[in-house]
Amino acid sequence: MREIKFQGIYKPTKEKFIPHNINYDSKTVVGDFDGEIGDWCHFSLDPSGYGDVWLRQYTGLKDKKGREIYEGDIVIDERKNSAEVVFDDGCFCVIGYLGDLRTHPLRDSLFCGERFEVIGNIYEDPELLEASHASK
């Protein structure tokens, strides 16, 4: 069974934190960020959405260097092709320029660990994905 957890990115400082509490009704999150312990603010599940925090879900997988992979991460494969990690049709997938443009499902840590490396995310490093797509 995969571990269910989230990571918040506080948009004004791009600081990452693990939320203490998430309220989906009021779309608020409590965590330690911006120098405050137990502070709260509004969140969005979309990096450009309303609120000061972008909330990302953990895939349950780690990359080949042991880093946790979250929705919205940009990963590269062994041939340096980049793709974005998304939740689509009930599973986490990578979508992007991976050789023949197919979508490759992230199904287990062994497959993922041998194949991908996290190099950034779409909020902090969108140019990593754009640069790769422009060169194709």
C-alpha atoms as a PDB file:
ATOM      1  CA  MET A   1       0.000   0.000   0.000  1.00  0.00           C
ATOM      2  CA  ARG A   2       1.375   3.403  -0.897  1.00  0.00           C
ATOM      3  CA  GLU A   3       1.922   6.112   1.671  1.00  0.00           C
ATOM      4  CA  ILE A   4      -0.575   8.973   1.285  1.00  0.00           C
ATOM      5  CA  LYS A   5       1.055  12.321   1.930  1.00  0.00           C
ATOM      6  CA  PHE A   6       1.353  15.779   0.470  1.00  0.00           C
ATOM      7  CA  GLN A   7       3.979  18.459   0.033  1.00  0.00           C
ATOM      8  CA  GLY A   8       3.183  22.148   0.015  1.00  0.00           C
ATOM      9  CA  ILE A   9       5.133  24.766  -1.875  1.00  0.00           C
ATOM     10  CA  TYR A  10       4.691  28.251  -0.411  1.00  0.00           C
ATOM     11  CA  LYS A  11       4.506  30.338  -3.591  1.00  0.00           C
ATOM     12  CA  PRO A  12       5.976  33.651  -2.320  1.00  0.00           C
ATOM     13  CA  THR A  13       9.269  31.998  -1.239  1.00  0.00           C
ATOM     14  CA  LYS A  14       9.073  28.636  -3.096  1.00  0.00           C
ATOM     15  CA  GLU A  15       9.706  26.968   0.261  1.00  0.00           C
ATOM     16  CA  LYS A  16       8.666  23.296   0.499  1.00  0.00           C
ATOM     17  CA  PHE A  17       6.984  21.898   3.607  1.00  0.00           C
ATOM     18  CA  ILE A  18       4.953  18.927   4.810  1.00  0.00           C
ATOM     19  CA  PRO A  19       1.457  20.067   5.897  1.00  0.00           C
ATOM     20  CA  HIS A  20       0.273  19.400   9.468  1.00  0.00           C
ATOM     21  CA  ASN A  21      -3.391  19.736   8.523  1.00  0.00           C
ATOM     22  CA  ILE A  22      -5.318  20.062   5.255  1.00  0.00           C
ATOM     23  CA  ASN A  23      -8.938  21.281   5.216  1.00  0.00           C
ATOM     24  CA  TYR A  24     -10.489  20.555   1.821  1.00  0.00           C
ATOM     25  CA  ASP A  25     -13.746  22.355   2.649  1.00  0.00           C
ATOM     26  CA  SER A  26     -12.085  25.728   3.303  1.00  0.00           C
ATOM     27  CA  LYS A  27      -9.073  24.947   1.069  1.00  0.00           C
ATOM     28  CA  THR A  28      -6.657  25.836   3.867  1.00  0.00           C
ATOM     29  CA  VAL A  29      -3.436  24.186   4.928  1.00  0.00           C
ATOM     30  CA  VAL A  30      -1.452  24.425   8.176  1.00  0.00           C
ATOM     31  CA  GLY A  31       2.302  23.954   8.213  1.00  0.00           C
ATOM     32  CA  ASP A  32       5.714  25.349   9.110  1.00  0.00           C
ATOM     33  CA  PHE A  33       6.706  27.823   6.388  1.00  0.00           C
ATOM     34  CA  ASP A  34       7.826  31.418   5.903  1.00  0.00           C
ATOM     35  CA  GLY A  35       9.537  31.343   9.303  1.00  0.00           C
ATOM     36  CA  GLU A  36       6.330  30.529  11.145  1.00  0.00           C
ATOM     37  CA  ILE A  37       5.420  27.346  13.018  1.00  0.00           C
ATOM     38  CA  GLY A  38       1.848  26.172  12.461  1.00  0.00           C
ATOM     39  CA  ASP A  39       0.900  28.992  10.096  1.00  0.00           C
ATOM     40  CA  TRP A  40      -2.021  28.596   7.696  1.00  0.00           C
ATOM     41  CA  CYS A  41      -3.052  29.854   4.287  1.00  0.00           C
ATOM     42  CA  HIS A  42      -5.197  28.894   1.305  1.00  0.00           C
ATOM     43  CA  PHE A  43      -4.006  26.220  -1.101  1.00  0.00           C
ATOM     44  CA  SER A  44      -4.633  25.107  -4.650  1.00  0.00           C
ATOM     45  CA  LEU A  45      -4.023  21.764  -6.328  1.00  0.00           C
ATOM     46  CA  ASP A  46      -2.979  23.717  -9.432  1.00  0.00           C
ATOM     47  CA  PRO A  47       0.333  25.617  -9.376  1.00  0.00           C
ATOM     48  CA  SER A  48      -1.291  28.719 -10.881  1.00  0.00           C
ATOM     49  CA  GLY A  49      -4.493  28.475  -8.820  1.00  0.00           C
ATOM     50  CA  TYR A  50      -5.803  30.643  -5.996  1.00  0.00           C
ATOM     51  CA  GLY A  51      -3.920  30.616  -2.686  1.00  0.00           C
ATOM     52  CA  ASP A  52      -0.350  30.945  -1.499  1.00  0.00           C
ATOM     53  CA  VAL A  53       0.361  27.210  -1.378  1.00  0.00           C
ATOM     54  CA  TRP A  54       0.469  24.676  -4.185  1.00  0.00           C
ATOM     55  CA  LEU A  55      -0.407  21.281  -2.676  1.00  0.00           C
ATOM     56  CA  ARG A  56       1.157  18.259  -4.404  1.00  0.00           C
ATOM     57  CA  GLN A  57       0.431  14.585  -3.785  1.00  0.00           C
ATOM     58  CA  TYR A  58       3.189  12.016  -3.241  1.00  0.00           C
ATOM     59  CA  THR A  59       3.169   9.202  -5.839  1.00  0.00           C
ATOM     60  CA  GLY A  60       4.462   6.602  -3.385  1.00  0.00           C
ATOM     61  CA  LEU A  61       7.562   6.205  -5.557  1.00  0.00           C
ATOM     62  CA  LYS A  62      11.181   7.347  -5.368  1.00  0.00           C
ATOM     63  CA  ASP A  63      13.514   8.210  -8.209  1.00  0.00           C
ATOM     64  CA  LYS A  64      16.820   6.494  -8.917  1.00  0.00           C
ATOM     65  CA  LYS A  65      18.561   8.734  -6.362  1.00  0.00           C
ATOM     66  CA  GLY A  66      16.019   7.954  -3.631  1.00  0.00           C
ATOM     67  CA  ARG A  67      14.085  11.260  -3.820  1.00  0.00           C
ATOM     68  CA  GLU A  68      10.312  11.169  -3.391  1.00  0.00           C
ATOM     69  CA  ILE A  69       8.355  11.808  -6.595  1.00  0.00           C
ATOM     70  CA  TYR A  70       5.387  14.203  -6.350  1.00  0.00           C
ATOM     71  CA  GLU A  71       2.681  15.220  -8.784  1.00  0.00           C
ATOM     72  CA  GLY A  72       4.018  18.116 -10.855  1.00  0.00           C
ATOM     73  CA  ASP A  73       7.635  16.960 -10.715  1.00  0.00           C
ATOM     74  CA  ILE A  74       9.713  17.063 -13.874  1.00  0.00           C
ATOM     75  CA  VAL A  75      11.663  13.863 -14.424  1.00  0.00           C
ATOM     76  CA  ILE A  76      14.215  12.708 -16.961  1.00  0.00           C
ATOM     77  CA  ASP A  77      14.822   9.196 -18.211  1.00  0.00           C
ATOM     78  CA  GLU A  78      18.178   7.562 -18.993  1.00  0.00           C
ATOM     79  CA  ARG A  79      18.255   9.307 -22.392  1.00  0.00           C
ATOM     80  CA  LYS A  80      17.656  12.746 -20.800  1.00  0.00           C
ATOM     81  CA  ASN A  81      14.113  13.018 -22.175  1.00  0.00           C
ATOM     82  CA  SER A  82      11.951  15.070 -19.790  1.00  0.00           C
ATOM     83  CA  ALA A  83       8.343  14.599 -18.737  1.00  0.00           C
ATOM     84  CA  GLU A  84       5.861  15.835 -16.143  1.00  0.00           C
ATOM     85  CA  VAL A  85       4.387  13.585 -13.443  1.00  0.00           C
ATOM     86  CA  VAL A  86       0.576  13.834 -13.493  1.00  0.00           C
ATOM     87  CA  PHE A  87      -2.385  12.042 -11.930  1.00  0.00           C
ATOM     88  CA  ASP A  88      -4.568  10.899 -14.808  1.00  0.00           C
ATOM     89  CA  ASP A  89      -7.328   8.316 -15.125  1.00  0.00           C
ATOM     90  CA  GLY A  90      -6.733   6.940 -11.635  1.00  0.00           C
ATOM     91  CA  CYS A  91      -2.943   6.574 -11.728  1.00  0.00           C
ATOM     92  CA  PHE A  92       0.257   8.584 -11.705  1.00  0.00           C
ATOM     93  CA  CYS A  93       1.839   8.811 -15.153  1.00  0.00           C
ATOM     94  CA  VAL A  94       4.612  10.710 -16.846  1.00  0.00           C
ATOM     95  CA  ILE A  95       3.558  12.742 -19.846  1.00  0.00           C
ATOM     96  CA  GLY A  96       6.003  14.380 -22.188  1.00  0.00           C
ATOM     97  CA  TYR A  97       8.691  13.742 -24.706  1.00  0.00           C
ATOM     98  CA  LEU A  98       9.830  10.265 -23.736  1.00  0.00           C
ATOM     99  CA  GLY A  99      11.163   8.905 -26.970  1.00  0.00           C
ATOM    100  CA  ASP A 100       8.037   8.198 -28.994  1.00  0.00           C
ATOM    101  CA  LEU A 101       5.696  10.584 -27.078  1.00  0.00           C
ATOM    102  CA  ARG A 102       3.821   7.752 -25.333  1.00  0.00           C
ATOM    103  CA  THR A 103       2.524   8.051 -21.790  1.00  0.00           C
ATOM    104  CA  HIS A 104       4.447   5.714 -19.495  1.00  0.00           C
ATOM    105  CA  PRO A 105       2.593   4.768 -16.280  1.00  0.00           C
ATOM    106  CA  LEU A 106       4.579   4.947 -13.039  1.00  0.00           C
ATOM    107  CA  ARG A 107       3.453   1.663 -11.541  1.00  0.00           C
ATOM    108  CA  ASP A 108       6.108   0.586  -9.036  1.00  0.00           C
ATOM    109  CA  SER A 109       9.260   1.837  -7.377  1.00  0.00           C
ATOM    110  CA  LEU A 110      11.527  -0.697  -9.063  1.00  0.00           C
ATOM    111  CA  PHE A 111      10.509   0.461 -12.549  1.00  0.00           C
ATOM    112  CA  CYS A 112      10.596   4.084 -11.540  1.00  0.00           C
ATOM    113  CA  GLY A 113      13.819   3.857  -9.561  1.00  0.00           C
ATOM    114  CA  GLU A 114      15.702   2.381 -12.468  1.00  0.00           C
ATOM    115  CA  ARG A 115      14.334   4.775 -15.024  1.00  0.00           C
ATOM    116  CA  PHE A 116      13.641   8.332 -13.768  1.00  0.00           C
ATOM    117  CA  GLU A 117      15.371  11.157 -11.930  1.00  0.00           C
ATOM    118  CA  VAL A 118      13.571  14.212 -10.512  1.00  0.00           C
ATOM    119  CA  ILE A 119      15.156  17.406 -11.864  1.00  0.00           C
ATOM    120  CA  GLY A 120      12.580  19.980 -10.725  1.00  0.00           C
ATOM    121  CA  ASN A 121       8.870  20.745 -10.804  1.00  0.00           C
ATOM    122  CA  ILE A 122       6.516  22.668 -13.065  1.00  0.00           C
ATOM    123  CA  TYR A 123       6.106  25.587 -10.627  1.00  0.00           C
ATOM    124  CA  GLU A 124       9.735  26.268  -9.772  1.00  0.00           C
ATOM    125  CA  ASP A 125      11.420  25.060 -12.978  1.00  0.00           C
ATOM    126  CA  PRO A 126       8.966  25.200 -15.932  1.00  0.00           C
ATOM    127  CA  GLU A 127      11.840  26.004 -18.274  1.00  0.00           C
ATOM    128  CA  LEU A 128      13.200  22.456 -17.793  1.00  0.00           C
ATOM    129  CA  LEU A 129      10.150  21.004 -19.493  1.00  0.00           C
ATOM    130  CA  GLU A 130       9.803  23.793 -22.065  1.00  0.00           C
ATOM    131  CA  ALA A 131      13.456  23.577 -23.107  1.00  0.00           C
ATOM    132  CA  SER A 132      13.235  19.843 -23.670  1.00  0.00           C
ATOM    133  CA  HIS A 133      10.054  20.177 -25.737  1.00  0.00           C
ATOM    134  CA  ALA A 134      11.487  23.027 -27.811  1.00  0.00           C
ATOM    135  CA  SER A 135      14.505  20.915 -28.779  1.00  0.00           C
ATOM    136  CA  LYS A 136      12.360  18.043 -30.147  1.00  0.00           C
END
